Amino acid sequence: MFFYLSKLLDFLIMPYNVLLCMLIVAFFRPKKRGTRWLTGVAFMGIYLLSNSYLVALLQKGWEYPVRSIAGLKPGYEAGIVLSGGLVNSCQGPASDFYDLENSSDRLLAGFFLYKRGICKKLILTGTDHELLTQQNRGEVQLAKSLLVEWGVPAEDVLLDTEARNTRENALFVAEMLKGRDKKDRYLLVTSASHMRRAKACFDRVGLQTDAFPSDFGKLPGCIATDKKFFPTPAAFAEFQRLWHEWIGMVVYKILGYC
């Protein structure tokens, strides 16, 4: 039930949907009191939330600090890689290549951590459409196949294909590692903007991890001066992703998930 309610809440409070509803209301009541104010707020919201520089500043303030692989010591039992944008699983059964998605940096980070001997195994966690999972074409299943093609032994890549959200990622991986030595160390790999909520969830279920964030947003200083004042759809999409994390953190804390 929580899964479906969370998806509904996510839709209802997304900035794009809220601003769109404001404009629709203004359109259908052009002569009503407050319409100009409603329209002005909507347009200002669209402008500010699609400003690349402003969004980059917000991302920089929220994202988990970057870590260097060179600064890590070997000895981690596993790197836990959260799915959600690793590999496109909807290419069709005849596809003979891997279509990496917007969060594939997580997979690359896990690969390099393994190849450099930082962690002994990799755990990929996350579900997909039931039919795709049954056909062994779910996202984490394809990600494992890609890792094997890159030279990672299949027995060193463990899968959880059931987790539908971050809470379940933590619960199901903790169950998978039940009976582990308490001295074992684990690295948690996910997007920098998602790391705060993810690590809090794993801590909550008693699985202590060290964070290795990836998939960082653009640094404010890397945005050209002439682009700091113009709105872009890409910036708005990045803000929605950030907003999703803020709301997710609040809801998870209320429910005691993190």
C-alpha atoms as a PDB file:
ATOM      1  CA  MET A   1       0.000   0.000   0.000  1.00  0.00           C
ATOM      2  CA  PHE A   2       2.815   2.404   0.903  1.00  0.00           C
ATOM      3  CA  PHE A   3       4.413   1.861  -2.506  1.00  0.00           C
ATOM      4  CA  TYR A   4       1.295   2.974  -4.395  1.00  0.00           C
ATOM      5  CA  LEU A   5       0.529   5.847  -2.017  1.00  0.00           C
ATOM      6  CA  SER A   6       4.081   7.117  -2.340  1.00  0.00           C
ATOM      7  CA  LYS A   7       3.801   7.112  -6.139  1.00  0.00           C
ATOM      8  CA  LEU A   8       0.522   9.041  -5.953  1.00  0.00           C
ATOM      9  CA  LEU A   9       1.997  11.574  -3.526  1.00  0.00           C
ATOM     10  CA  ASP A  10       5.062  11.895  -5.734  1.00  0.00           C
ATOM     11  CA  PHE A  11       2.845  12.789  -8.696  1.00  0.00           C
ATOM     12  CA  LEU A  12       0.666  15.249  -6.778  1.00  0.00           C
ATOM     13  CA  ILE A  13       3.484  17.321  -5.290  1.00  0.00           C
ATOM     14  CA  MET A  14       5.934  17.394  -8.175  1.00  0.00           C
ATOM     15  CA  PRO A  15       6.665  21.073  -9.013  1.00  0.00           C
ATOM     16  CA  TYR A  16       5.877  20.583 -12.718  1.00  0.00           C
ATOM     17  CA  ASN A  17       2.426  19.204 -11.938  1.00  0.00           C
ATOM     18  CA  VAL A  18       1.677  21.911  -9.365  1.00  0.00           C
ATOM     19  CA  LEU A  19       2.708  24.739 -11.689  1.00  0.00           C
ATOM     20  CA  LEU A  20       0.816  23.208 -14.597  1.00  0.00           C
ATOM     21  CA  CYS A  21      -2.345  23.010 -12.481  1.00  0.00           C
ATOM     22  CA  MET A  22      -1.934  26.662 -11.503  1.00  0.00           C
ATOM     23  CA  LEU A  23      -1.779  27.687 -15.160  1.00  0.00           C
ATOM     24  CA  ILE A  24      -4.805  25.544 -16.018  1.00  0.00           C
ATOM     25  CA  VAL A  25      -6.809  27.155 -13.223  1.00  0.00           C
ATOM     26  CA  ALA A  26      -5.736  30.627 -14.389  1.00  0.00           C
ATOM     27  CA  PHE A  27      -6.724  29.812 -17.974  1.00  0.00           C
ATOM     28  CA  PHE A  28     -10.245  28.748 -17.055  1.00  0.00           C
ATOM     29  CA  ARG A  29     -10.906  31.679 -14.709  1.00  0.00           C
ATOM     30  CA  PRO A  30      -9.287  34.613 -16.560  1.00  0.00           C
ATOM     31  CA  LYS A  31     -11.470  37.300 -14.970  1.00  0.00           C
ATOM     32  CA  LYS A  32     -11.525  35.923 -11.441  1.00  0.00           C
ATOM     33  CA  ARG A  33      -9.821  37.701  -8.583  1.00  0.00           C
ATOM     34  CA  GLY A  34      -6.255  36.551  -8.016  1.00  0.00           C
ATOM     35  CA  THR A  35      -5.743  35.151 -11.507  1.00  0.00           C
ATOM     36  CA  ARG A  36      -2.871  37.516 -12.340  1.00  0.00           C
ATOM     37  CA  TRP A  37      -1.177  36.613  -9.072  1.00  0.00           C
ATOM     38  CA  LEU A  38      -1.626  32.887  -9.762  1.00  0.00           C
ATOM     39  CA  THR A  39      -0.225  33.219 -13.275  1.00  0.00           C
ATOM     40  CA  GLY A  40       2.708  35.304 -12.074  1.00  0.00           C
ATOM     41  CA  VAL A  41       3.657  32.781  -9.394  1.00  0.00           C
ATOM     42  CA  ALA A  42       3.457  29.943 -11.911  1.00  0.00           C
ATOM     43  CA  PHE A  43       5.658  31.662 -14.475  1.00  0.00           C
ATOM     44  CA  MET A  44       8.176  32.764 -11.840  1.00  0.00           C
ATOM     45  CA  GLY A  45       8.306  29.210 -10.512  1.00  0.00           C
ATOM     46  CA  ILE A  46       8.927  27.824 -13.977  1.00  0.00           C
ATOM     47  CA  TYR A  47      11.708  30.325 -14.599  1.00  0.00           C
ATOM     48  CA  LEU A  48      13.522  29.851 -11.286  1.00  0.00           C
ATOM     49  CA  LEU A  49      13.226  26.068 -11.195  1.00  0.00           C
ATOM     50  CA  SER A  50      14.577  25.748 -14.733  1.00  0.00           C
ATOM     51  CA  ASN A  51      17.574  28.021 -14.100  1.00  0.00           C
ATOM     52  CA  SER A  52      20.682  25.878 -14.493  1.00  0.00           C
ATOM     53  CA  TYR A  53      22.827  27.881 -12.103  1.00  0.00           C
ATOM     54  CA  LEU A  54      20.259  28.001  -9.296  1.00  0.00           C
ATOM     55  CA  VAL A  55      19.520  24.282  -9.602  1.00  0.00           C
ATOM     56  CA  ALA A  56      23.248  23.487  -9.607  1.00  0.00           C
ATOM     57  CA  LEU A  57      23.675  25.458  -6.371  1.00  0.00           C
ATOM     58  CA  LEU A  58      20.830  23.518  -4.752  1.00  0.00           C
ATOM     59  CA  GLN A  59      22.265  20.206  -5.935  1.00  0.00           C
ATOM     60  CA  LYS A  60      25.719  21.073  -4.631  1.00  0.00           C
ATOM     61  CA  GLY A  61      24.271  21.850  -1.216  1.00  0.00           C
ATOM     62  CA  TRP A  62      22.358  18.568  -0.982  1.00  0.00           C
ATOM     63  CA  GLU A  63      24.581  15.994  -2.665  1.00  0.00           C
ATOM     64  CA  TYR A  64      26.774  13.710  -0.584  1.00  0.00           C
ATOM     65  CA  PRO A  65      30.449  14.775  -0.722  1.00  0.00           C
ATOM     66  CA  VAL A  66      32.584  13.153  -3.387  1.00  0.00           C
ATOM     67  CA  ARG A  67      34.946  10.336  -2.381  1.00  0.00           C
ATOM     68  CA  SER A  68      38.074   9.157  -4.146  1.00  0.00           C
ATOM     69  CA  ILE A  69      38.659   5.491  -4.898  1.00  0.00           C
ATOM     70  CA  ALA A  70      42.334   6.094  -4.214  1.00  0.00           C
ATOM     71  CA  GLY A  71      41.441   7.024  -0.648  1.00  0.00           C
ATOM     72  CA  LEU A  72      39.685   3.704   0.035  1.00  0.00           C
ATOM     73  CA  LYS A  73      41.374   0.657   1.510  1.00  0.00           C
ATOM     74  CA  PRO A  74      40.584  -2.854   0.222  1.00  0.00           C
ATOM     75  CA  GLY A  75      38.634  -5.221   2.439  1.00  0.00           C
ATOM     76  CA  TYR A  76      34.979  -4.453   1.834  1.00  0.00           C
ATOM     77  CA  GLU A  77      32.900  -7.611   1.570  1.00  0.00           C
ATOM     78  CA  ALA A  78      30.658  -6.103  -1.081  1.00  0.00           C
ATOM     79  CA  GLY A  79      29.670  -2.964  -2.904  1.00  0.00           C
ATOM     80  CA  ILE A  80      25.881  -2.516  -2.787  1.00  0.00           C
ATOM     81  CA  VAL A  81      24.682  -0.847  -5.985  1.00  0.00           C
ATOM     82  CA  LEU A  82      21.136   0.514  -6.050  1.00  0.00           C
ATOM     83  CA  SER A  83      19.288   0.278  -9.351  1.00  0.00           C
ATOM     84  CA  GLY A  84      17.085   2.859 -11.038  1.00  0.00           C
ATOM     85  CA  GLY A  85      18.489   4.123 -14.311  1.00  0.00           C
ATOM     86  CA  LEU A  86      21.411   1.724 -14.759  1.00  0.00           C
ATOM     87  CA  VAL A  87      20.487  -0.073 -17.985  1.00  0.00           C
ATOM     88  CA  ASN A  88      17.484   0.299 -20.257  1.00  0.00           C
ATOM     89  CA  SER A  89      15.579  -2.978 -19.875  1.00  0.00           C
ATOM     90  CA  CYS A  90      12.885  -2.123 -22.444  1.00  0.00           C
ATOM     91  CA  GLN A  91      14.952  -2.454 -25.609  1.00  0.00           C
ATOM     92  CA  GLY A  92      13.236  -5.614 -26.788  1.00  0.00           C
ATOM     93  CA  PRO A  93      14.432  -9.234 -26.685  1.00  0.00           C
ATOM     94  CA  ALA A  94      16.297  -8.958 -29.998  1.00  0.00           C
ATOM     95  CA  SER A  95      18.616  -6.194 -28.782  1.00  0.00           C
ATOM     96  CA  ASP A  96      22.262  -7.255 -28.741  1.00  0.00           C
ATOM     97  CA  PHE A  97      23.757  -4.245 -26.968  1.00  0.00           C
ATOM     98  CA  TYR A  98      23.407  -2.468 -23.627  1.00  0.00           C
ATOM     99  CA  ASP A  99      21.747   0.921 -23.504  1.00  0.00           C
ATOM    100  CA  LEU A 100      23.115   2.702 -20.421  1.00  0.00           C
ATOM    101  CA  GLU A 101      20.749   5.140 -18.723  1.00  0.00           C
ATOM    102  CA  ASN A 102      21.132   8.373 -16.783  1.00  0.00           C
ATOM    103  CA  SER A 103      22.283   6.763 -13.516  1.00  0.00           C
ATOM    104  CA  SER A 104      24.699   4.259 -15.052  1.00  0.00           C
ATOM    105  CA  ASP A 105      27.560   5.962 -13.167  1.00  0.00           C
ATOM    106  CA  ARG A 106      26.444   3.821 -10.212  1.00  0.00           C
ATOM    107  CA  LEU A 107      27.238   0.686 -12.183  1.00  0.00           C
ATOM    108  CA  LEU A 108      30.570   2.052 -13.384  1.00  0.00           C
ATOM    109  CA  ALA A 109      31.500   3.007  -9.831  1.00  0.00           C
ATOM    110  CA  GLY A 110      30.694  -0.503  -8.626  1.00  0.00           C
ATOM    111  CA  PHE A 111      32.750  -1.987 -11.459  1.00  0.00           C
ATOM    112  CA  PHE A 112      35.832   0.102 -10.655  1.00  0.00           C
ATOM    113  CA  LEU A 113      35.524  -0.606  -6.935  1.00  0.00           C
ATOM    114  CA  TYR A 114      35.530  -4.323  -7.713  1.00  0.00           C
ATOM    115  CA  LYS A 115      38.301  -4.267 -10.336  1.00  0.00           C
ATOM    116  CA  ARG A 116      40.587  -2.289  -8.043  1.00  0.00           C
ATOM    117  CA  GLY A 117      40.074  -4.778  -5.233  1.00  0.00           C
ATOM    118  CA  ILE A 118      38.229  -2.426  -2.908  1.00  0.00           C
ATOM    119  CA  CYS A 119      35.269  -4.809  -2.547  1.00  0.00           C
ATOM    120  CA  LYS A 120      35.170  -8.579  -3.017  1.00  0.00           C
ATOM    121  CA  LYS A 121      31.670  -8.805  -4.480  1.00  0.00           C
ATOM    122  CA  LEU A 122      28.902  -6.641  -5.885  1.00  0.00           C
ATOM    123  CA  ILE A 123      25.237  -6.696  -4.854  1.00  0.00           C
ATOM    124  CA  LEU A 124      22.753  -5.200  -7.318  1.00  0.00           C
ATOM    125  CA  THR A 125      19.350  -4.434  -5.842  1.00  0.00           C
ATOM    126  CA  GLY A 126      16.096  -3.320  -7.451  1.00  0.00           C
ATOM    127  CA  THR A 127      13.064  -4.700  -9.236  1.00  0.00           C
ATOM    128  CA  ASP A 128      11.661  -4.220 -12.711  1.00  0.00           C
ATOM    129  CA  HIS A 129       8.496  -5.063 -14.618  1.00  0.00           C
ATOM    130  CA  GLU A 130       7.468  -8.582 -13.575  1.00  0.00           C
ATOM    131  CA  LEU A 131       7.503  -9.926 -17.135  1.00  0.00           C
ATOM    132  CA  LEU A 132      11.018  -8.586 -17.763  1.00  0.00           C
ATOM    133  CA  THR A 133      12.291 -10.113 -14.534  1.00  0.00           C
ATOM    134  CA  GLN A 134      10.768 -13.496 -15.411  1.00  0.00           C
ATOM    135  CA  GLN A 135      12.544 -13.362 -18.774  1.00  0.00           C
ATOM    136  CA  ASN A 136      15.847 -12.516 -17.062  1.00  0.00           C
ATOM    137  CA  ARG A 137      15.822  -9.085 -18.727  1.00  0.00           C
ATOM    138  CA  GLY A 138      15.181  -6.939 -15.661  1.00  0.00           C
ATOM    139  CA  GLU A 139      17.465  -4.000 -15.022  1.00  0.00           C
ATOM    140  CA  VAL A 140      19.746  -5.579 -12.432  1.00  0.00           C
ATOM    141  CA  GLN A 141      19.864  -8.797 -14.454  1.00  0.00           C
ATOM    142  CA  LEU A 142      21.048  -6.912 -17.527  1.00  0.00           C
ATOM    143  CA  ALA A 143      23.479  -4.956 -15.371  1.00  0.00           C
ATOM    144  CA  LYS A 144      24.942  -8.218 -14.102  1.00  0.00           C
ATOM    145  CA  SER A 145      25.308  -9.505 -17.670  1.00  0.00           C
ATOM    146  CA  LEU A 146      27.172  -6.331 -18.571  1.00  0.00           C
ATOM    147  CA  LEU A 147      29.492  -6.674 -15.583  1.00  0.00           C
ATOM    148  CA  VAL A 148      30.229 -10.256 -16.618  1.00  0.00           C
ATOM    149  CA  GLU A 149      31.086  -9.045 -20.127  1.00  0.00           C
ATOM    150  CA  TRP A 150      33.464  -6.568 -18.517  1.00  0.00           C
ATOM    151  CA  GLY A 151      35.243  -9.463 -16.811  1.00  0.00           C
ATOM    152  CA  VAL A 152      33.566  -9.724 -13.403  1.00  0.00           C
ATOM    153  CA  PRO A 153      32.946 -13.401 -12.478  1.00  0.00           C
ATOM    154  CA  ALA A 154      29.211 -14.173 -12.366  1.00  0.00           C
ATOM    155  CA  GLU A 155      29.514 -15.687  -8.880  1.00  0.00           C
ATOM    156  CA  ASP A 156      30.773 -12.352  -7.560  1.00  0.00           C
ATOM    157  CA  VAL A 157      27.602 -10.483  -8.576  1.00  0.00           C
ATOM    158  CA  LEU A 158      24.622 -11.108  -6.293  1.00  0.00           C
ATOM    159  CA  LEU A 159      21.110  -9.945  -7.166  1.00  0.00           C
ATOM    160  CA  ASP A 160      18.015  -8.776  -5.343  1.00  0.00           C
ATOM    161  CA  THR A 161      15.251  -8.465  -7.937  1.00  0.00           C
ATOM    162  CA  GLU A 162      12.385  -7.677  -5.548  1.00  0.00           C
ATOM    163  CA  ALA A 163      13.058  -4.266  -3.958  1.00  0.00           C
ATOM    164  CA  ARG A 164      10.677  -1.561  -5.258  1.00  0.00           C
ATOM    165  CA  ASN A 165      12.020   1.395  -3.318  1.00  0.00           C
ATOM    166  CA  THR A 166      14.906   2.499  -1.114  1.00  0.00           C
ATOM    167  CA  ARG A 167      13.304   1.108   2.031  1.00  0.00           C
ATOM    168  CA  GLU A 168      13.027  -2.327   0.437  1.00  0.00           C
ATOM    169  CA  ASN A 169      16.564  -2.076  -0.965  1.00  0.00           C
ATOM    170  CA  ALA A 170      17.785  -1.848   2.620  1.00  0.00           C
ATOM    171  CA  LEU A 171      15.442  -4.510   4.024  1.00  0.00           C
ATOM    172  CA  PHE A 172      16.072  -7.116   1.337  1.00  0.00           C
ATOM    173  CA  VAL A 173      19.847  -6.677   1.197  1.00  0.00           C
ATOM    174  CA  ALA A 174      20.015  -6.886   5.001  1.00  0.00           C
ATOM    175  CA  GLU A 175      18.016 -10.132   4.809  1.00  0.00           C
ATOM    176  CA  MET A 176      20.357 -11.422   2.105  1.00  0.00           C
ATOM    177  CA  LEU A 177      23.322 -10.767   4.383  1.00  0.00           C
ATOM    178  CA  LYS A 178      21.678 -12.183   7.485  1.00  0.00           C
ATOM    179  CA  GLY A 179      24.172 -14.091   9.623  1.00  0.00           C
ATOM    180  CA  ARG A 180      27.079 -12.013   8.354  1.00  0.00           C
ATOM    181  CA  ASP A 181      30.113 -11.295  10.501  1.00  0.00           C
ATOM    182  CA  LYS A 182      29.503  -7.973  12.249  1.00  0.00           C
ATOM    183  CA  LYS A 183      33.052  -6.962  11.353  1.00  0.00           C
ATOM    184  CA  ASP A 184      32.289  -7.157   7.628  1.00  0.00           C
ATOM    185  CA  ARG A 185      32.342  -3.827   5.822  1.00  0.00           C
ATOM    186  CA  TYR A 186      30.112  -2.742   2.935  1.00  0.00           C
ATOM    187  CA  LEU A 187      30.154   0.118   0.463  1.00  0.00           C
ATOM    188  CA  LEU A 188      26.871   1.698  -0.582  1.00  0.00           C
ATOM    189  CA  VAL A 189      26.844   2.975  -4.162  1.00  0.00           C
ATOM    190  CA  THR A 190      24.087   5.266  -5.409  1.00  0.00           C
ATOM    191  CA  SER A 191      23.608   8.744  -6.851  1.00  0.00           C
ATOM    192  CA  ALA A 192      25.031  11.588  -4.769  1.00  0.00           C
ATOM    193  CA  SER A 193      21.595  13.206  -4.462  1.00  0.00           C
ATOM    194  CA  HIS A 194      20.067   9.925  -3.275  1.00  0.00           C
ATOM    195  CA  MET A 195      22.823   8.899  -0.882  1.00  0.00           C
ATOM    196  CA  ARG A 196      21.577  10.674   2.257  1.00  0.00           C
ATOM    197  CA  ARG A 197      18.224   8.896   2.202  1.00  0.00           C
ATOM    198  CA  ALA A 198      19.692   5.579   1.073  1.00  0.00           C
ATOM    199  CA  LYS A 199      22.379   5.446   3.756  1.00  0.00           C
ATOM    200  CA  ALA A 200      19.872   6.425   6.443  1.00  0.00           C
ATOM    201  CA  CYS A 201      17.637   3.525   5.350  1.00  0.00           C
ATOM    202  CA  PHE A 202      20.483   1.010   5.527  1.00  0.00           C
ATOM    203  CA  ASP A 203      21.560   2.333   8.919  1.00  0.00           C
ATOM    204  CA  ARG A 204      17.961   1.967  10.116  1.00  0.00           C
ATOM    205  CA  VAL A 205      17.830  -1.761   9.321  1.00  0.00           C
ATOM    206  CA  GLY A 206      21.149  -2.327  11.060  1.00  0.00           C
ATOM    207  CA  LEU A 207      23.381  -2.659   8.014  1.00  0.00           C
ATOM    208  CA  GLN A 208      26.196  -0.172   8.485  1.00  0.00           C
ATOM    209  CA  THR A 209      27.733   1.000   5.228  1.00  0.00           C
ATOM    210  CA  ASP A 210      30.317   3.445   3.987  1.00  0.00           C
ATOM    211  CA  ALA A 211      29.027   5.783   1.304  1.00  0.00           C
ATOM    212  CA  PHE A 212      30.458   5.943  -2.193  1.00  0.00           C
ATOM    213  CA  PRO A 213      28.329   8.470  -4.111  1.00  0.00           C
ATOM    214  CA  SER A 214      28.295   8.733  -7.894  1.00  0.00           C
ATOM    215  CA  ASP A 215      26.243  10.390 -10.619  1.00  0.00           C
ATOM    216  CA  PHE A 216      26.897  13.971  -9.503  1.00  0.00           C
ATOM    217  CA  GLY A 217      25.138  17.033 -10.876  1.00  0.00           C
ATOM    218  CA  LYS A 218      26.950  19.794 -12.721  1.00  0.00           C
ATOM    219  CA  LEU A 219      29.070  22.116 -10.579  1.00  0.00           C
ATOM    220  CA  PRO A 220      27.825  25.750 -10.506  1.00  0.00           C
ATOM    221  CA  GLY A 221      31.250  26.964 -11.614  1.00  0.00           C
ATOM    222  CA  CYS A 222      31.072  24.822 -14.768  1.00  0.00           C
ATOM    223  CA  ILE A 223      28.003  26.623 -16.111  1.00  0.00           C
ATOM    224  CA  ALA A 224      28.802  29.237 -18.745  1.00  0.00           C
ATOM    225  CA  THR A 225      27.962  32.826 -17.804  1.00  0.00           C
ATOM    226  CA  ASP A 226      25.566  33.281 -20.724  1.00  0.00           C
ATOM    227  CA  LYS A 227      23.579  30.229 -19.613  1.00  0.00           C
ATOM    228  CA  LYS A 228      23.107  31.319 -16.011  1.00  0.00           C
ATOM    229  CA  PHE A 229      20.101  33.469 -16.843  1.00  0.00           C
ATOM    230  CA  PHE A 230      18.199  31.284 -19.296  1.00  0.00           C
ATOM    231  CA  PRO A 231      15.764  28.503 -18.357  1.00  0.00           C
ATOM    232  CA  THR A 232      16.265  24.974 -19.698  1.00  0.00           C
ATOM    233  CA  PRO A 233      14.056  21.869 -19.559  1.00  0.00           C
ATOM    234  CA  ALA A 234      17.060  19.834 -18.383  1.00  0.00           C
ATOM    235  CA  ALA A 235      17.501  22.047 -15.302  1.00  0.00           C
ATOM    236  CA  PHE A 236      13.808  21.667 -14.431  1.00  0.00           C
ATOM    237  CA  ALA A 237      14.156  17.896 -14.690  1.00  0.00           C
ATOM    238  CA  GLU A 238      17.169  17.989 -12.359  1.00  0.00           C
ATOM    239  CA  PHE A 239      15.235  20.060  -9.856  1.00  0.00           C
ATOM    240  CA  GLN A 240      12.359  17.564  -9.924  1.00  0.00           C
ATOM    241  CA  ARG A 241      14.843  14.811  -9.143  1.00  0.00           C
ATOM    242  CA  LEU A 242      16.170  16.843  -6.229  1.00  0.00           C
ATOM    243  CA  TRP A 243      12.667  17.667  -5.013  1.00  0.00           C
ATOM    244  CA  HIS A 244      11.810  13.967  -5.092  1.00  0.00           C
ATOM    245  CA  GLU A 245      14.701  13.313  -2.702  1.00  0.00           C
ATOM    246  CA  TRP A 246      13.668  16.080  -0.308  1.00  0.00           C
ATOM    247  CA  ILE A 247      10.094  14.851  -0.118  1.00  0.00           C
ATOM    248  CA  GLY A 248      11.271  11.256   0.116  1.00  0.00           C
ATOM    249  CA  MET A 249      13.505  12.089   3.067  1.00  0.00           C
ATOM    250  CA  VAL A 250      10.656  13.850   4.904  1.00  0.00           C
ATOM    251  CA  VAL A 251       8.168  11.014   4.296  1.00  0.00           C
ATOM    252  CA  TYR A 252      10.694   8.310   5.238  1.00  0.00           C
ATOM    253  CA  LYS A 253      11.540  10.094   8.477  1.00  0.00           C
ATOM    254  CA  ILE A 254       7.852  10.447   9.365  1.00  0.00           C
ATOM    255  CA  LEU A 255       7.353   6.706   8.756  1.00  0.00           C
ATOM    256  CA  GLY A 256      10.519   5.777  10.641  1.00  0.00           C
ATOM    257  CA  TYR A 257      12.259   4.298   7.616  1.00  0.00           C
ATOM    258  CA  CYS A 258      15.372   6.403   8.075  1.00  0.00           C
END
